[in-house]
Amino acid sequence: DVYRGERRTRYPSITKSADGSLLVLLSGQNAEQEKAGTGDLLLVSSSDAGKTWSQSRVVVQGKGCEPRAAGTLTTLKDGRIIAPFAEFRDAQATSTVRILTSNDDGKHWRVSDATFSIPLAWWAPCGKVIETAAGALVMPVYGALSEADLKATIHSCGLLRSGDGGKT
């Protein structure tokens, strides 16, 4: 096992950092968090090609939310590691998308807000970010076009593009 959770352990993603380490980011919940609808983003790493793994550490503590970075952990050409993630609240009726970044192979992390222009009432990133040869970032997303679609669980899929490294 890379990580064996106390309760729910979901939405893993993996990347290889510039120093060759493997990093796995996942959502984890203990029993108390599961009842409260909260959780954490946890990180485990391996410096021996996945033979052994570090203890998990919390890189995002869900305060009143359940953070999910479903497959989004990505190492960019400049070595920066990013993981767009959604903070789900109100039994997943609302979400806020933020970006987790590391400039030092996953040793330290920073959460930042970005400006998104998207025609969805509710949405979440899902899957790796692709970096084009020209340096644009393309992120797959899914979500609901309206509150009525959200209530009926009618989702759409799309792509978001950024020409400024993920700020917008």
C-alpha atoms as a PDB file:
ATOM      1  CA  ASP A   1       0.000   0.000   0.000  1.00  0.00           C
ATOM      2  CA  VAL A   2       1.097   3.547  -0.708  1.00  0.00           C
ATOM      3  CA  TYR A   3      -1.282   4.738   2.007  1.00  0.00           C
ATOM      4  CA  ARG A   4      -3.821   2.847   4.074  1.00  0.00           C
ATOM      5  CA  GLY A   5      -6.445   5.197   5.461  1.00  0.00           C
ATOM      6  CA  GLU A   6      -8.390   4.996   8.680  1.00  0.00           C
ATOM      7  CA  ARG A   7     -11.650   5.508   6.756  1.00  0.00           C
ATOM      8  CA  ARG A   8     -12.071   7.000   3.299  1.00  0.00           C
ATOM      9  CA  THR A   9      -9.016   7.360   1.113  1.00  0.00           C
ATOM     10  CA  ARG A  10      -9.846   8.503  -2.424  1.00  0.00           C
ATOM     11  CA  TYR A  11      -8.934  10.527  -5.512  1.00  0.00           C
ATOM     12  CA  PRO A  12      -5.218   9.701  -5.771  1.00  0.00           C
ATOM     13  CA  SER A  13      -2.862  11.233  -8.278  1.00  0.00           C
ATOM     14  CA  ILE A  14       0.820  10.688  -8.917  1.00  0.00           C
ATOM     15  CA  THR A  15       3.659  12.667 -10.413  1.00  0.00           C
ATOM     16  CA  LYS A  16       7.426  12.452 -10.638  1.00  0.00           C
ATOM     17  CA  SER A  17       9.207  15.521  -9.292  1.00  0.00           C
ATOM     18  CA  ALA A  18      12.270  17.096 -10.896  1.00  0.00           C
ATOM     19  CA  ASP A  19      14.515  15.354  -8.327  1.00  0.00           C
ATOM     20  CA  GLY A  20      13.088  11.944  -9.364  1.00  0.00           C
ATOM     21  CA  SER A  21      10.872  11.355  -6.328  1.00  0.00           C
ATOM     22  CA  LEU A  22       7.389   9.935  -6.785  1.00  0.00           C
ATOM     23  CA  LEU A  23       4.649  11.943  -5.089  1.00  0.00           C
ATOM     24  CA  VAL A  24       1.099  10.755  -4.443  1.00  0.00           C
ATOM     25  CA  LEU A  25      -1.600  13.223  -3.442  1.00  0.00           C
ATOM     26  CA  LEU A  26      -4.907  11.897  -2.117  1.00  0.00           C
ATOM     27  CA  SER A  27      -8.009  12.840  -0.165  1.00  0.00           C
ATOM     28  CA  GLY A  28      -8.319  11.278   3.263  1.00  0.00           C
ATOM     29  CA  GLN A  29     -10.983  11.268   5.942  1.00  0.00           C
ATOM     30  CA  ASN A  30     -11.069   9.811   9.414  1.00  0.00           C
ATOM     31  CA  ALA A  31     -14.410   8.799  10.943  1.00  0.00           C
ATOM     32  CA  GLU A  32     -15.019  12.206  12.514  1.00  0.00           C
ATOM     33  CA  GLN A  33     -14.235  14.040   9.259  1.00  0.00           C
ATOM     34  CA  GLU A  34     -16.456  11.693   7.285  1.00  0.00           C
ATOM     35  CA  LYS A  35     -19.435  12.517   9.541  1.00  0.00           C
ATOM     36  CA  ALA A  36     -18.674  16.259   9.345  1.00  0.00           C
ATOM     37  CA  GLY A  37     -18.183  16.271   5.546  1.00  0.00           C
ATOM     38  CA  THR A  38     -14.588  17.456   5.863  1.00  0.00           C
ATOM     39  CA  GLY A  39     -11.207  15.918   5.081  1.00  0.00           C
ATOM     40  CA  ASP A  40      -7.600  16.604   4.156  1.00  0.00           C
ATOM     41  CA  LEU A  41      -5.293  16.418   1.166  1.00  0.00           C
ATOM     42  CA  LEU A  42      -2.460  14.081   2.114  1.00  0.00           C
ATOM     43  CA  LEU A  43       0.925  13.589   0.456  1.00  0.00           C
ATOM     44  CA  VAL A  44       3.181  10.539   0.484  1.00  0.00           C
ATOM     45  CA  SER A  45       6.497  10.269  -1.349  1.00  0.00           C
ATOM     46  CA  SER A  46       9.017   7.693  -2.464  1.00  0.00           C
ATOM     47  CA  SER A  47      12.666   8.274  -3.333  1.00  0.00           C
ATOM     48  CA  ASP A  48      13.298   4.643  -4.371  1.00  0.00           C
ATOM     49  CA  ALA A  49      10.973   4.270  -7.385  1.00  0.00           C
ATOM     50  CA  GLY A  50       7.987   3.258  -5.256  1.00  0.00           C
ATOM     51  CA  LYS A  51       9.548   0.427  -3.256  1.00  0.00           C
ATOM     52  CA  THR A  52       8.949   2.268   0.016  1.00  0.00           C
ATOM     53  CA  TRP A  53       6.757   5.239   0.898  1.00  0.00           C
ATOM     54  CA  SER A  54       6.972   8.008   3.480  1.00  0.00           C
ATOM     55  CA  GLN A  55       4.444   8.562   6.207  1.00  0.00           C
ATOM     56  CA  SER A  56       1.571  10.717   5.017  1.00  0.00           C
ATOM     57  CA  ARG A  57       1.492  14.401   5.793  1.00  0.00           C
ATOM     58  CA  VAL A  58      -1.348  16.864   5.542  1.00  0.00           C
ATOM     59  CA  VAL A  59      -0.706  19.488   2.852  1.00  0.00           C
ATOM     60  CA  VAL A  60      -4.237  20.952   2.869  1.00  0.00           C
ATOM     61  CA  GLN A  61      -6.441  20.736   5.932  1.00  0.00           C
ATOM     62  CA  GLY A  62     -10.099  20.947   4.991  1.00  0.00           C
ATOM     63  CA  LYS A  63     -11.592  23.585   7.245  1.00  0.00           C
ATOM     64  CA  GLY A  64     -15.326  23.135   6.883  1.00  0.00           C
ATOM     65  CA  CYS A  65     -14.843  21.405   3.526  1.00  0.00           C
ATOM     66  CA  GLU A  66     -13.689  18.239   1.828  1.00  0.00           C
ATOM     67  CA  PRO A  67     -10.759  18.993  -0.512  1.00  0.00           C
ATOM     68  CA  ARG A  68     -10.396  16.819  -3.627  1.00  0.00           C
ATOM     69  CA  ALA A  69      -7.613  16.852  -6.206  1.00  0.00           C
ATOM     70  CA  ALA A  70      -8.886  14.039  -8.421  1.00  0.00           C
ATOM     71  CA  GLY A  71      -5.871  13.014 -10.472  1.00  0.00           C
ATOM     72  CA  THR A  72      -4.637  16.596 -10.856  1.00  0.00           C
ATOM     73  CA  LEU A  73      -1.065  16.394  -9.440  1.00  0.00           C
ATOM     74  CA  THR A  74       1.190  17.551 -12.301  1.00  0.00           C
ATOM     75  CA  THR A  75       4.857  18.454 -12.675  1.00  0.00           C
ATOM     76  CA  LEU A  76       5.358  21.282 -15.175  1.00  0.00           C
ATOM     77  CA  LYS A  77       8.370  21.735 -17.461  1.00  0.00           C
ATOM     78  CA  ASP A  78       9.928  24.315 -15.103  1.00  0.00           C
ATOM     79  CA  GLY A  79       9.802  21.784 -12.228  1.00  0.00           C
ATOM     80  CA  ARG A  80       6.905  23.457 -10.441  1.00  0.00           C
ATOM     81  CA  ILE A  81       4.321  20.982  -9.143  1.00  0.00           C
ATOM     82  CA  ILE A  82       0.664  21.995  -9.262  1.00  0.00           C
ATOM     83  CA  ALA A  83      -2.560  20.369  -8.136  1.00  0.00           C
ATOM     84  CA  PRO A  84      -5.838  22.193  -8.789  1.00  0.00           C
ATOM     85  CA  PHE A  85      -8.399  21.044  -6.230  1.00  0.00           C
ATOM     86  CA  ALA A  86     -11.995  21.643  -5.248  1.00  0.00           C
ATOM     87  CA  GLU A  87     -13.194  22.357  -1.738  1.00  0.00           C
ATOM     88  CA  PHE A  88     -16.636  20.767  -1.446  1.00  0.00           C
ATOM     89  CA  ARG A  89     -19.115  22.090   1.117  1.00  0.00           C
ATOM     90  CA  ASP A  90     -22.779  21.621   1.993  1.00  0.00           C
ATOM     91  CA  ALA A  91     -22.887  17.914   1.035  1.00  0.00           C
ATOM     92  CA  GLN A  92     -21.127  18.814  -2.264  1.00  0.00           C
ATOM     93  CA  ALA A  93     -23.739  21.428  -3.210  1.00  0.00           C
ATOM     94  CA  THR A  94     -21.050  24.133  -3.394  1.00  0.00           C
ATOM     95  CA  SER A  95     -17.412  24.093  -4.449  1.00  0.00           C
ATOM     96  CA  THR A  96     -14.469  26.452  -4.543  1.00  0.00           C
ATOM     97  CA  VAL A  97     -11.481  25.675  -6.745  1.00  0.00           C
ATOM     98  CA  ARG A  98      -7.965  26.525  -5.562  1.00  0.00           C
ATOM     99  CA  ILE A  99      -4.444  25.594  -6.644  1.00  0.00           C
ATOM    100  CA  LEU A 100      -1.799  23.823  -4.586  1.00  0.00           C
ATOM    101  CA  THR A 101       1.799  24.502  -5.718  1.00  0.00           C
ATOM    102  CA  SER A 102       5.319  23.471  -4.788  1.00  0.00           C
ATOM    103  CA  ASN A 103       8.537  24.954  -6.144  1.00  0.00           C
ATOM    104  CA  ASP A 104      10.873  22.567  -4.285  1.00  0.00           C
ATOM    105  CA  ASP A 105       9.954  19.003  -5.348  1.00  0.00           C
ATOM    106  CA  GLY A 106       7.059  18.739  -2.908  1.00  0.00           C
ATOM    107  CA  LYS A 107       8.857  19.682   0.292  1.00  0.00           C
ATOM    108  CA  HIS A 108       6.801  22.851   0.843  1.00  0.00           C
ATOM    109  CA  TRP A 109       3.339  23.705  -0.486  1.00  0.00           C
ATOM    110  CA  ARG A 110       1.296  26.843  -0.973  1.00  0.00           C
ATOM    111  CA  VAL A 111      -2.433  27.169  -1.612  1.00  0.00           C
ATOM    112  CA  SER A 112      -3.526  30.024  -3.829  1.00  0.00           C
ATOM    113  CA  ASP A 113      -6.664  31.352  -5.391  1.00  0.00           C
ATOM    114  CA  ALA A 114      -6.938  31.809  -9.115  1.00  0.00           C
ATOM    115  CA  THR A 115      -9.395  33.721 -11.265  1.00  0.00           C
ATOM    116  CA  PHE A 116     -11.630  31.441 -13.306  1.00  0.00           C
ATOM    117  CA  SER A 117     -13.964  32.447 -16.097  1.00  0.00           C
ATOM    118  CA  ILE A 118     -16.203  29.433 -16.558  1.00  0.00           C
ATOM    119  CA  PRO A 119     -19.897  29.125 -17.489  1.00  0.00           C
ATOM    120  CA  LEU A 120     -20.696  26.545 -14.808  1.00  0.00           C
ATOM    121  CA  ALA A 121     -22.707  27.025 -11.626  1.00  0.00           C
ATOM    122  CA  TRP A 122     -20.698  24.282  -9.900  1.00  0.00           C
ATOM    123  CA  TRP A 123     -17.519  22.582 -11.072  1.00  0.00           C
ATOM    124  CA  ALA A 124     -14.356  20.696 -10.177  1.00  0.00           C
ATOM    125  CA  PRO A 125     -11.030  19.884 -11.848  1.00  0.00           C
ATOM    126  CA  CYS A 126     -10.445  16.225 -12.692  1.00  0.00           C
ATOM    127  CA  GLY A 127      -7.269  14.813 -14.245  1.00  0.00           C
ATOM    128  CA  LYS A 128      -3.773  15.999 -15.047  1.00  0.00           C
ATOM    129  CA  VAL A 129      -3.066  19.457 -16.354  1.00  0.00           C
ATOM    130  CA  ILE A 130      -1.452  19.425 -19.803  1.00  0.00           C
ATOM    131  CA  GLU A 131       1.262  21.955 -20.649  1.00  0.00           C
ATOM    132  CA  THR A 132       1.466  22.834 -24.344  1.00  0.00           C
ATOM    133  CA  ALA A 133       4.698  23.527 -26.231  1.00  0.00           C
ATOM    134  CA  ALA A 134       3.798  27.239 -26.110  1.00  0.00           C
ATOM    135  CA  GLY A 135       3.468  27.103 -22.295  1.00  0.00           C
ATOM    136  CA  ALA A 136      -0.321  27.236 -22.011  1.00  0.00           C
ATOM    137  CA  LEU A 137      -1.950  25.028 -19.385  1.00  0.00           C
ATOM    138  CA  VAL A 138      -5.078  23.003 -20.182  1.00  0.00           C
ATOM    139  CA  MET A 139      -7.141  21.577 -17.318  1.00  0.00           C
ATOM    140  CA  PRO A 140     -10.035  19.095 -17.654  1.00  0.00           C
ATOM    141  CA  VAL A 141     -13.121  19.937 -15.580  1.00  0.00           C
ATOM    142  CA  TYR A 142     -16.645  18.702 -14.994  1.00  0.00           C
ATOM    143  CA  GLY A 143     -19.620  20.503 -13.552  1.00  0.00           C
ATOM    144  CA  ALA A 144     -23.207  21.652 -13.786  1.00  0.00           C
ATOM    145  CA  LEU A 145     -24.346  24.443 -16.095  1.00  0.00           C
ATOM    146  CA  SER A 146     -27.074  25.571 -13.695  1.00  0.00           C
ATOM    147  CA  GLU A 147     -28.402  25.019 -10.181  1.00  0.00           C
ATOM    148  CA  ALA A 148     -31.221  22.935 -11.711  1.00  0.00           C
ATOM    149  CA  ASP A 149     -28.667  20.711 -13.483  1.00  0.00           C
ATOM    150  CA  LEU A 150     -26.712  20.381 -10.245  1.00  0.00           C
ATOM    151  CA  LYS A 151     -29.817  19.245  -8.337  1.00  0.00           C
ATOM    152  CA  ALA A 152     -30.592  16.735 -11.113  1.00  0.00           C
ATOM    153  CA  THR A 153     -26.911  15.605 -11.237  1.00  0.00           C
ATOM    154  CA  ILE A 154     -26.595  16.575 -14.887  1.00  0.00           C
ATOM    155  CA  HIS A 155     -22.917  17.330 -15.480  1.00  0.00           C
ATOM    156  CA  SER A 156     -20.953  18.596 -18.437  1.00  0.00           C
ATOM    157  CA  CYS A 157     -17.241  18.221 -19.184  1.00  0.00           C
ATOM    158  CA  GLY A 158     -14.869  20.770 -20.620  1.00  0.00           C
ATOM    159  CA  LEU A 159     -11.386  22.222 -20.695  1.00  0.00           C
ATOM    160  CA  LEU A 160     -10.023  25.389 -19.131  1.00  0.00           C
ATOM    161  CA  ARG A 161      -6.996  27.108 -20.638  1.00  0.00           C
ATOM    162  CA  SER A 162      -4.467  29.376 -18.964  1.00  0.00           C
ATOM    163  CA  GLY A 163      -1.836  31.433 -20.719  1.00  0.00           C
ATOM    164  CA  ASP A 164      -0.295  32.844 -17.524  1.00  0.00           C
ATOM    165  CA  GLY A 165       0.887  29.755 -15.668  1.00  0.00           C
ATOM    166  CA  GLY A 166      -2.423  29.056 -13.943  1.00  0.00           C
ATOM    167  CA  LYS A 167      -3.143  32.478 -12.412  1.00  0.00           C
ATOM    168  CA  THR A 168      -6.198  32.878 -14.676  1.00  0.00           C
END
